[in-house]
Amino acid sequence: MDRPSVVGQTGYLVLNSEGAVLTSGGDLDNDERVAGLLYGLLKIARKLFDNPVLDESFKRFSVIYDDHAYVVCLSNRKVYIVKRQLQASDNAVAY
């Protein structure tokens, strides 16, 4: 699969709309556990944050740890997950 590289990327997963792994690589190669956990979070987030009244829904969310993050994006009925290393400057999040 030809994907653009994400700065600091250490692994990736691509899931279908039912959460099955289509392709993977790097740190997340064949990682069904992470795929299942993040797909479960996606389903919860959709229930909480999709707003049919305003015709709005989210397209991306991140799960951030001290040294790495999982970025989950939705596009064309697929779920793209990237694991990336964080730099010290990435952790300075403005609230």
PDB file of N, CA and C in Angstrom:
ATOM      1  N   MET A   1       0.848  -1.185   0.000  1.00  0.00           N
ATOM      2  CA  MET A   1       0.000   0.000   0.000  1.00  0.00           C
ATOM      3  C   MET A   1       0.882   1.233   0.000  1.00  0.00           C
ATOM      4  N   ASP A   2       0.611   2.157  -0.869  1.00  0.00           N
ATOM      5  CA  ASP A   2       1.387   3.375  -0.970  1.00  0.00           C
ATOM      6  C   ASP A   2       0.743   4.444  -0.104  1.00  0.00           C
ATOM      7  N   ARG A   3       1.359   4.716   1.055  1.00  0.00           N
ATOM      8  CA  ARG A   3       0.828   5.701   1.986  1.00  0.00           C
ATOM      9  C   ARG A   3       1.854   6.793   2.207  1.00  0.00           C
ATOM     10  N   PRO A   4       1.392   8.015   2.393  1.00  0.00           N
ATOM     11  CA  PRO A   4       2.351   9.055   2.758  1.00  0.00           C
ATOM     12  C   PRO A   4       2.886   8.789   4.164  1.00  0.00           C
ATOM     13  N   SER A   5       4.140   9.092   4.380  1.00  0.00           N
ATOM     14  CA  SER A   5       4.755   8.878   5.685  1.00  0.00           C
ATOM     15  C   SER A   5       4.370  10.009   6.634  1.00  0.00           C
ATOM     16  N   VAL A   6       4.161   9.651   7.883  1.00  0.00           N
ATOM     17  CA  VAL A   6       3.846  10.618   8.925  1.00  0.00           C
ATOM     18  C   VAL A   6       5.118  10.828   9.743  1.00  0.00           C
ATOM     19  N   VAL A   7       5.439  12.072  10.068  1.00  0.00           N
ATOM     20  CA  VAL A   7       6.643  12.374  10.833  1.00  0.00           C
ATOM     21  C   VAL A   7       6.614  11.600  12.149  1.00  0.00           C
ATOM     22  N   GLY A   8       7.665  10.856  12.418  1.00  0.00           N
ATOM     23  CA  GLY A   8       7.772  10.095  13.651  1.00  0.00           C
ATOM     24  C   GLY A   8       7.019   8.777  13.645  1.00  0.00           C
ATOM     25  N   GLN A   9       6.466   8.384  12.512  1.00  0.00           N
ATOM     26  CA  GLN A   9       5.671   7.157  12.432  1.00  0.00           C
ATOM     27  C   GLN A   9       6.525   5.937  12.743  1.00  0.00           C
ATOM     28  N   THR A  10       5.991   5.064  13.618  1.00  0.00           N
ATOM     29  CA  THR A  10       6.681   3.812  13.922  1.00  0.00           C
ATOM     30  C   THR A  10       5.853   2.593  13.522  1.00  0.00           C
ATOM     31  N   GLY A  11       4.582   2.805  13.204  1.00  0.00           N
ATOM     32  CA  GLY A  11       3.735   1.699  12.788  1.00  0.00           C
ATOM     33  C   GLY A  11       2.399   2.192  12.284  1.00  0.00           C
ATOM     34  N   TYR A  12       1.655   1.295  11.605  1.00  0.00           N
ATOM     35  CA  TYR A  12       0.340   1.672  11.096  1.00  0.00           C
ATOM     36  C   TYR A  12      -0.562   0.449  10.997  1.00  0.00           C
ATOM     37  N   LEU A  13      -1.867   0.708  11.011  1.00  0.00           N
ATOM     38  CA  LEU A  13      -2.910  -0.283  10.782  1.00  0.00           C
ATOM     39  C   LEU A  13      -3.957   0.342   9.872  1.00  0.00           C
ATOM     40  N   VAL A  14      -4.524  -0.456   8.988  1.00  0.00           N
ATOM     41  CA  VAL A  14      -5.685  -0.035   8.208  1.00  0.00           C
ATOM     42  C   VAL A  14      -6.768  -1.077   8.472  1.00  0.00           C
ATOM     43  N   LEU A  15      -7.939  -0.603   8.932  1.00  0.00           N
ATOM     44  CA  LEU A  15      -9.053  -1.480   9.269  1.00  0.00           C
ATOM     45  C   LEU A  15     -10.211  -1.236   8.316  1.00  0.00           C
ATOM     46  N   ASN A  16     -11.035  -2.259   8.100  1.00  0.00           N
ATOM     47  CA  ASN A  16     -12.252  -2.040   7.332  1.00  0.00           C
ATOM     48  C   ASN A  16     -13.323  -1.478   8.264  1.00  0.00           C
ATOM     49  N   SER A  17     -14.511  -1.247   7.753  1.00  0.00           N
ATOM     50  CA  SER A  17     -15.562  -0.602   8.550  1.00  0.00           C
ATOM     51  C   SER A  17     -16.079  -1.482   9.683  1.00  0.00           C
ATOM     52  N   GLU A  18     -15.743  -2.767   9.674  1.00  0.00           N
ATOM     53  CA  GLU A  18     -16.135  -3.663  10.770  1.00  0.00           C
ATOM     54  C   GLU A  18     -15.007  -3.867  11.771  1.00  0.00           C
ATOM     55  N   GLY A  19     -13.843  -3.270  11.537  1.00  0.00           N
ATOM     56  CA  GLY A  19     -12.731  -3.355  12.478  1.00  0.00           C
ATOM     57  C   GLY A  19     -11.709  -4.432  12.174  1.00  0.00           C
ATOM     58  N   ALA A  20     -11.847  -5.154  11.048  1.00  0.00           N
ATOM     59  CA  ALA A  20     -10.877  -6.181  10.677  1.00  0.00           C
ATOM     60  C   ALA A  20      -9.634  -5.529  10.071  1.00  0.00           C
ATOM     61  N   VAL A  21      -8.460  -6.050  10.400  1.00  0.00           N
ATOM     62  CA  VAL A  21      -7.207  -5.507   9.895  1.00  0.00           C
ATOM     63  C   VAL A  21      -7.054  -5.869   8.420  1.00  0.00           C
ATOM     64  N   LEU A  22      -6.882  -4.845   7.586  1.00  0.00           N
ATOM     65  CA  LEU A  22      -6.646  -5.039   6.160  1.00  0.00           C
ATOM     66  C   LEU A  22      -5.157  -5.077   5.852  1.00  0.00           C
ATOM     67  N   THR A  23      -4.417  -4.180   6.488  1.00  0.00           N
ATOM     68  CA  THR A  23      -2.965  -4.114   6.298  1.00  0.00           C
ATOM     69  C   THR A  23      -2.342  -3.483   7.535  1.00  0.00           C
ATOM     70  N   SER A  24      -1.057  -3.768   7.746  1.00  0.00           N
ATOM     71  CA  SER A  24      -0.371  -3.243   8.923  1.00  0.00           C
ATOM     72  C   SER A  24       1.123  -3.249   8.670  1.00  0.00           C
ATOM     73  N   GLY A  25       1.862  -2.564   9.539  1.00  0.00           N
ATOM     74  CA  GLY A  25       3.308  -2.546   9.403  1.00  0.00           C
ATOM     75  C   GLY A  25       3.977  -1.896  10.597  1.00  0.00           C
ATOM     76  N   GLY A  26       5.297  -2.024  10.652  1.00  0.00           N
ATOM     77  CA  GLY A  26       6.078  -1.422  11.731  1.00  0.00           C
ATOM     78  C   GLY A  26       5.717  -2.003  13.086  1.00  0.00           C
ATOM     79  N   ASP A  27       5.685  -1.154  14.104  1.00  0.00           N
ATOM     80  CA  ASP A  27       5.363  -1.574  15.473  1.00  0.00           C
ATOM     81  C   ASP A  27       3.974  -2.211  15.584  1.00  0.00           C
ATOM     82  N   LEU A  28       3.094  -1.901  14.663  1.00  0.00           N
ATOM     83  CA  LEU A  28       1.715  -2.397  14.731  1.00  0.00           C
ATOM     84  C   LEU A  28       1.462  -3.564  13.771  1.00  0.00           C
ATOM     85  N   ASP A  29       2.516  -4.156  13.248  1.00  0.00           N
ATOM     86  CA  ASP A  29       2.368  -5.262  12.310  1.00  0.00           C
ATOM     87  C   ASP A  29       1.588  -6.407  12.954  1.00  0.00           C
ATOM     88  N   ASN A  30       0.439  -6.720  12.377  1.00  0.00           N
ATOM     89  CA  ASN A  30      -0.444  -7.799  12.861  1.00  0.00           C
ATOM     90  C   ASN A  30      -0.877  -7.622  14.315  1.00  0.00           C
ATOM     91  N   ASP A  31      -0.967  -6.392  14.793  1.00  0.00           N
ATOM     92  CA  ASP A  31      -1.341  -6.151  16.193  1.00  0.00           C
ATOM     93  C   ASP A  31      -2.863  -6.060  16.323  1.00  0.00           C
ATOM     94  N   GLU A  32      -3.507  -7.209  16.409  1.00  0.00           N
ATOM     95  CA  GLU A  32      -4.965  -7.294  16.522  1.00  0.00           C
ATOM     96  C   GLU A  32      -5.463  -6.676  17.839  1.00  0.00           C
ATOM     97  N   ARG A  33      -4.647  -6.758  18.896  1.00  0.00           N
ATOM     98  CA  ARG A  33      -5.056  -6.220  20.206  1.00  0.00           C
ATOM     99  C   ARG A  33      -5.234  -4.711  20.137  1.00  0.00           C
ATOM    100  N   VAL A  34      -4.238  -4.000  19.609  1.00  0.00           N
ATOM    101  CA  VAL A  34      -4.335  -2.541  19.476  1.00  0.00           C
ATOM    102  C   VAL A  34      -5.462  -2.181  18.516  1.00  0.00           C
ATOM    103  N   ALA A  35      -5.593  -2.929  17.435  1.00  0.00           N
ATOM    104  CA  ALA A  35      -6.674  -2.670  16.476  1.00  0.00           C
ATOM    105  C   ALA A  35      -8.028  -2.768  17.167  1.00  0.00           C
ATOM    106  N   GLY A  36      -8.233  -3.820  17.966  1.00  0.00           N
ATOM    107  CA  GLY A  36      -9.503  -3.999  18.663  1.00  0.00           C
ATOM    108  C   GLY A  36      -9.774  -2.915  19.692  1.00  0.00           C
ATOM    109  N   LEU A  37      -8.736  -2.543  20.445  1.00  0.00           N
ATOM    110  CA  LEU A  37      -8.902  -1.492  21.456  1.00  0.00           C
ATOM    111  C   LEU A  37      -9.259  -0.145  20.822  1.00  0.00           C
ATOM    112  N   LEU A  38      -8.511   0.239  19.786  1.00  0.00           N
ATOM    113  CA  LEU A  38      -8.776   1.535  19.157  1.00  0.00           C
ATOM    114  C   LEU A  38     -10.080   1.534  18.377  1.00  0.00           C
ATOM    115  N   TYR A  39     -10.445   0.416  17.789  1.00  0.00           N
ATOM    116  CA  TYR A  39     -11.741   0.333  17.102  1.00  0.00           C
ATOM    117  C   TYR A  39     -12.881   0.452  18.126  1.00  0.00           C
ATOM    118  N   GLY A  40     -12.701  -0.160  19.294  1.00  0.00           N
ATOM    119  CA  GLY A  40     -13.689  -0.017  20.367  1.00  0.00           C
ATOM    120  C   GLY A  40     -13.842   1.430  20.817  1.00  0.00           C
ATOM    121  N   LEU A  41     -12.716   2.146  20.960  1.00  0.00           N
ATOM    122  CA  LEU A  41     -12.776   3.573  21.293  1.00  0.00           C
ATOM    123  C   LEU A  41     -13.481   4.366  20.210  1.00  0.00           C
ATOM    124  N   LEU A  42     -13.228   3.999  18.962  1.00  0.00           N
ATOM    125  CA  LEU A  42     -13.880   4.659  17.835  1.00  0.00           C
ATOM    126  C   LEU A  42     -15.398   4.511  17.922  1.00  0.00           C
ATOM    127  N   LYS A  43     -15.869   3.309  18.216  1.00  0.00           N
ATOM    128  CA  LYS A  43     -17.311   3.089  18.321  1.00  0.00           C
ATOM    129  C   LYS A  43     -17.916   3.908  19.458  1.00  0.00           C
ATOM    130  N   ILE A  44     -17.222   3.983  20.587  1.00  0.00           N
ATOM    131  CA  ILE A  44     -17.705   4.796  21.711  1.00  0.00           C
ATOM    132  C   ILE A  44     -17.721   6.268  21.332  1.00  0.00           C
ATOM    133  N   ALA A  45     -16.643   6.739  20.704  1.00  0.00           N
ATOM    134  CA  ALA A  45     -16.556   8.153  20.310  1.00  0.00           C
ATOM    135  C   ALA A  45     -17.655   8.519  19.331  1.00  0.00           C
ATOM    136  N   ARG A  46     -17.959   7.623  18.415  1.00  0.00           N
ATOM    137  CA  ARG A  46     -19.034   7.912  17.448  1.00  0.00           C
ATOM    138  C   ARG A  46     -20.364   8.088  18.156  1.00  0.00           C
ATOM    139  N   LYS A  47     -20.632   7.267  19.167  1.00  0.00           N
ATOM    140  CA  LYS A  47     -21.888   7.396  19.922  1.00  0.00           C
ATOM    141  C   LYS A  47     -21.934   8.713  20.676  1.00  0.00           C
ATOM    142  N   LEU A  48     -20.790   9.132  21.220  1.00  0.00           N
ATOM    143  CA  LEU A  48     -20.748  10.345  22.035  1.00  0.00           C
ATOM    144  C   LEU A  48     -20.692  11.637  21.228  1.00  0.00           C
ATOM    145  N   PHE A  49     -19.936  11.627  20.121  1.00  0.00           N
ATOM    146  CA  PHE A  49     -19.623  12.887  19.459  1.00  0.00           C
ATOM    147  C   PHE A  49     -20.266  13.108  18.106  1.00  0.00           C
ATOM    148  N   ASP A  50     -20.785  12.088  17.447  1.00  0.00           N
ATOM    149  CA  ASP A  50     -21.485  12.334  16.186  1.00  0.00           C
ATOM    150  C   ASP A  50     -22.805  13.025  16.499  1.00  0.00           C
ATOM    151  N   ASN A  51     -23.104  14.086  15.758  1.00  0.00           N
ATOM    152  CA  ASN A  51     -24.282  14.887  16.036  1.00  0.00           C
ATOM    153  C   ASN A  51     -25.150  14.962  14.779  1.00  0.00           C
ATOM    154  N   PRO A  52     -26.164  14.072  14.663  1.00  0.00           N
ATOM    155  CA  PRO A  52     -27.003  14.083  13.455  1.00  0.00           C
ATOM    156  C   PRO A  52     -27.837  15.354  13.311  1.00  0.00           C
ATOM    157  N   VAL A  53     -28.160  16.016  14.422  1.00  0.00           N
ATOM    158  CA  VAL A  53     -28.955  17.243  14.361  1.00  0.00           C
ATOM    159  C   VAL A  53     -28.179  18.340  13.633  1.00  0.00           C
ATOM    160  N   LEU A  54     -26.896  18.475  13.941  1.00  0.00           N
ATOM    161  CA  LEU A  54     -26.064  19.496  13.302  1.00  0.00           C
ATOM    162  C   LEU A  54     -25.341  18.967  12.075  1.00  0.00           C
ATOM    163  N   ASP A  55     -25.577  17.698  11.740  1.00  0.00           N
ATOM    164  CA  ASP A  55     -24.907  17.042  10.611  1.00  0.00           C
ATOM    165  C   ASP A  55     -23.393  17.168  10.739  1.00  0.00           C
ATOM    166  N   GLU A  56     -22.889  16.923  11.956  1.00  0.00           N
ATOM    167  CA  GLU A  56     -21.454  16.976  12.211  1.00  0.00           C
ATOM    168  C   GLU A  56     -20.993  15.632  12.743  1.00  0.00           C
ATOM    169  N   SER A  57     -19.780  15.274  12.399  1.00  0.00           N
ATOM    170  CA  SER A  57     -19.151  14.106  12.992  1.00  0.00           C
ATOM    171  C   SER A  57     -17.647  14.324  12.976  1.00  0.00           C
ATOM    172  N   PHE A  58     -16.957  13.620  13.847  1.00  0.00           N
ATOM    173  CA  PHE A  58     -15.513  13.779  13.880  1.00  0.00           C
ATOM    174  C   PHE A  58     -14.876  12.922  12.791  1.00  0.00           C
ATOM    175  N   LYS A  59     -13.686  13.289  12.397  1.00  0.00           N
ATOM    176  CA  LYS A  59     -12.950  12.558  11.367  1.00  0.00           C
ATOM    177  C   LYS A  59     -11.642  11.982  11.908  1.00  0.00           C
ATOM    178  N   ARG A  60     -11.207  12.460  13.085  1.00  0.00           N
ATOM    179  CA  ARG A  60      -9.922  12.036  13.624  1.00  0.00           C
ATOM    180  C   ARG A  60      -9.912  12.193  15.133  1.00  0.00           C
ATOM    181  N   PHE A  61      -9.224  11.281  15.812  1.00  0.00           N
ATOM    182  CA  PHE A  61      -8.940  11.465  17.228  1.00  0.00           C
ATOM    183  C   PHE A  61      -7.580  10.881  17.538  1.00  0.00           C
ATOM    184  N   SER A  62      -6.997  11.314  18.659  1.00  0.00           N
ATOM    185  CA  SER A  62      -5.670  10.857  19.063  1.00  0.00           C
ATOM    186  C   SER A  62      -5.716  10.338  20.483  1.00  0.00           C
ATOM    187  N   VAL A  63      -4.932   9.309  20.740  1.00  0.00           N
ATOM    188  CA  VAL A  63      -4.711   8.790  22.080  1.00  0.00           C
ATOM    189  C   VAL A  63      -3.242   9.060  22.361  1.00  0.00           C
ATOM    190  N   ILE A  64      -2.976   9.951  23.330  1.00  0.00           N
ATOM    191  CA  ILE A  64      -1.626  10.464  23.539  1.00  0.00           C
ATOM    192  C   ILE A  64      -1.045   9.950  24.850  1.00  0.00           C
ATOM    193  N   TYR A  65       0.143   9.380  24.747  1.00  0.00           N
ATOM    194  CA  TYR A  65       0.926   8.937  25.893  1.00  0.00           C
ATOM    195  C   TYR A  65       2.123   9.862  26.031  1.00  0.00           C
ATOM    196  N   ASP A  66       2.970   9.635  27.041  1.00  0.00           N
ATOM    197  CA  ASP A  66       4.141  10.490  27.237  1.00  0.00           C
ATOM    198  C   ASP A  66       5.099  10.468  26.053  1.00  0.00           C
ATOM    199  N   ASP A  67       5.326   9.289  25.485  1.00  0.00           N
ATOM    200  CA  ASP A  67       6.356   9.178  24.454  1.00  0.00           C
ATOM    201  C   ASP A  67       5.836   8.832  23.058  1.00  0.00           C
ATOM    202  N   HIS A  68       4.559   8.481  22.940  1.00  0.00           N
ATOM    203  CA  HIS A  68       4.000   8.154  21.629  1.00  0.00           C
ATOM    204  C   HIS A  68       2.505   8.451  21.604  1.00  0.00           C
ATOM    205  N   ALA A  69       1.938   8.415  20.399  1.00  0.00           N
ATOM    206  CA  ALA A  69       0.504   8.671  20.236  1.00  0.00           C
ATOM    207  C   ALA A  69      -0.037   7.770  19.141  1.00  0.00           C
ATOM    208  N   TYR A  70      -1.313   7.438  19.256  1.00  0.00           N
ATOM    209  CA  TYR A  70      -2.032   6.749  18.202  1.00  0.00           C
ATOM    210  C   TYR A  70      -2.984   7.768  17.594  1.00  0.00           C
ATOM    211  N   VAL A  71      -2.889   7.959  16.297  1.00  0.00           N
ATOM    212  CA  VAL A  71      -3.785   8.873  15.589  1.00  0.00           C
ATOM    213  C   VAL A  71      -4.716   8.006  14.749  1.00  0.00           C
ATOM    214  N   VAL A  72      -6.023   8.195  14.950  1.00  0.00           N
ATOM    215  CA  VAL A  72      -7.033   7.393  14.267  1.00  0.00           C
ATOM    216  C   VAL A  72      -7.811   8.319  13.337  1.00  0.00           C
ATOM    217  N   CYS A  73      -7.813   7.995  12.043  1.00  0.00           N
ATOM    218  CA  CYS A  73      -8.514   8.802  11.037  1.00  0.00           C
ATOM    219  C   CYS A  73      -9.510   7.936  10.284  1.00  0.00           C
ATOM    220  N   LEU A  74     -10.624   8.529   9.909  1.00  0.00           N
ATOM    221  CA  LEU A  74     -11.656   7.851   9.132  1.00  0.00           C
ATOM    222  C   LEU A  74     -11.669   8.427   7.729  1.00  0.00           C
ATOM    223  N   SER A  75     -11.660   7.536   6.731  1.00  0.00           N
ATOM    224  CA  SER A  75     -11.725   7.991   5.348  1.00  0.00           C
ATOM    225  C   SER A  75     -12.168   6.833   4.467  1.00  0.00           C
ATOM    226  N   ASN A  76     -13.131   7.101   3.589  1.00  0.00           N
ATOM    227  CA  ASN A  76     -13.595   6.112   2.608  1.00  0.00           C
ATOM    228  C   ASN A  76     -13.938   4.762   3.232  1.00  0.00           C
ATOM    229  N   ARG A  77     -14.689   4.793   4.310  1.00  0.00           N
ATOM    230  CA  ARG A  77     -15.145   3.577   5.001  1.00  0.00           C
ATOM    231  C   ARG A  77     -14.006   2.714   5.521  1.00  0.00           C
ATOM    232  N   LYS A  78     -12.851   3.335   5.738  1.00  0.00           N
ATOM    233  CA  LYS A  78     -11.713   2.644   6.329  1.00  0.00           C
ATOM    234  C   LYS A  78     -11.232   3.434   7.536  1.00  0.00           C
ATOM    235  N   VAL A  79     -10.563   2.731   8.439  1.00  0.00           N
ATOM    236  CA  VAL A  79      -9.997   3.337   9.636  1.00  0.00           C
ATOM    237  C   VAL A  79      -8.480   3.241   9.506  1.00  0.00           C
ATOM    238  N   TYR A  80      -7.813   4.388   9.550  1.00  0.00           N
ATOM    239  CA  TYR A  80      -6.359   4.448   9.450  1.00  0.00           C
ATOM    240  C   TYR A  80      -5.806   4.791  10.828  1.00  0.00           C
ATOM    241  N   ILE A  81      -4.889   3.974  11.310  1.00  0.00           N
ATOM    242  CA  ILE A  81      -4.280   4.187  12.620  1.00  0.00           C
ATOM    243  C   ILE A  81      -2.779   4.298  12.425  1.00  0.00           C
ATOM    244  N   VAL A  82      -2.192   5.355  12.973  1.00  0.00           N
ATOM    245  CA  VAL A  82      -0.751   5.548  12.905  1.00  0.00           C
ATOM    246  C   VAL A  82      -0.229   5.681  14.328  1.00  0.00           C
ATOM    247  N   LYS A  83       0.834   4.940  14.619  1.00  0.00           N
ATOM    248  CA  LYS A  83       1.544   5.118  15.886  1.00  0.00           C
ATOM    249  C   LYS A  83       2.757   5.963  15.580  1.00  0.00           C
ATOM    250  N   ARG A  84       2.934   7.034  16.349  1.00  0.00           N
ATOM    251  CA  ARG A  84       4.094   7.893  16.110  1.00  0.00           C
ATOM    252  C   ARG A  84       4.761   8.268  17.417  1.00  0.00           C
ATOM    253  N   GLN A  85       6.079   8.391  17.356  1.00  0.00           N
ATOM    254  CA  GLN A  85       6.865   8.843  18.498  1.00  0.00           C
ATOM    255  C   GLN A  85       6.645  10.336  18.674  1.00  0.00           C
ATOM    256  N   LEU A  86       6.606  10.764  19.927  1.00  0.00           N
ATOM    257  CA  LEU A  86       6.452  12.186  20.215  1.00  0.00           C
ATOM    258  C   LEU A  86       7.768  12.767  20.661  1.00  0.00           C
ATOM    259  N   GLN A  87       7.997  13.993  20.262  1.00  0.00           N
ATOM    260  CA  GLN A  87       9.149  14.752  20.722  1.00  0.00           C
ATOM    261  C   GLN A  87       8.714  15.580  21.932  1.00  0.00           C
ATOM    262  N   ALA A  88       9.634  16.117  22.681  1.00  0.00           N
ATOM    263  CA  ALA A  88       9.304  16.931  23.848  1.00  0.00           C
ATOM    264  C   ALA A  88       8.410  18.105  23.464  1.00  0.00           C
ATOM    265  N   SER A  89       8.632  18.697  22.289  1.00  0.00           N
ATOM    266  CA  SER A  89       7.823  19.841  21.860  1.00  0.00           C
ATOM    267  C   SER A  89       6.397  19.426  21.527  1.00  0.00           C
ATOM    268  N   ASP A  90       6.173  18.152  21.149  1.00  0.00           N
ATOM    269  CA  ASP A  90       4.821  17.668  20.852  1.00  0.00           C
ATOM    270  C   ASP A  90       3.960  17.606  22.099  1.00  0.00           C
ATOM    271  N   ASN A  91       4.582  17.435  23.262  1.00  0.00           N
ATOM    272  CA  ASN A  91       3.834  17.291  24.507  1.00  0.00           C
ATOM    273  C   ASN A  91       3.357  18.613  25.078  1.00  0.00           C
ATOM    274  N   ALA A  92       3.810  19.723  24.523  1.00  0.00           N
ATOM    275  CA  ALA A  92       3.385  21.055  24.985  1.00  0.00           C
ATOM    276  C   ALA A  92       2.049  21.372  24.300  1.00  0.00           C
ATOM    277  N   VAL A  93       0.967  20.894  24.879  1.00  0.00           N
ATOM    278  CA  VAL A  93      -0.362  21.080  24.291  1.00  0.00           C
ATOM    279  C   VAL A  93      -1.043  22.262  24.961  1.00  0.00           C
ATOM    280  N   ALA A  94      -1.552  23.169  24.155  1.00  0.00           N
ATOM    281  CA  ALA A  94      -2.284  24.318  24.695  1.00  0.00           C
ATOM    282  C   ALA A  94      -3.726  23.911  24.944  1.00  0.00           C
ATOM    283  N   TYR A  95      -4.242  24.222  26.117  1.00  0.00           N
ATOM    284  CA  TYR A  95      -5.630  23.894  26.466  1.00  0.00           C
ATOM    285  C   TYR A  95      -6.486  25.123  26.412  1.00  0.00           C
TER     286      TYR A  95
END
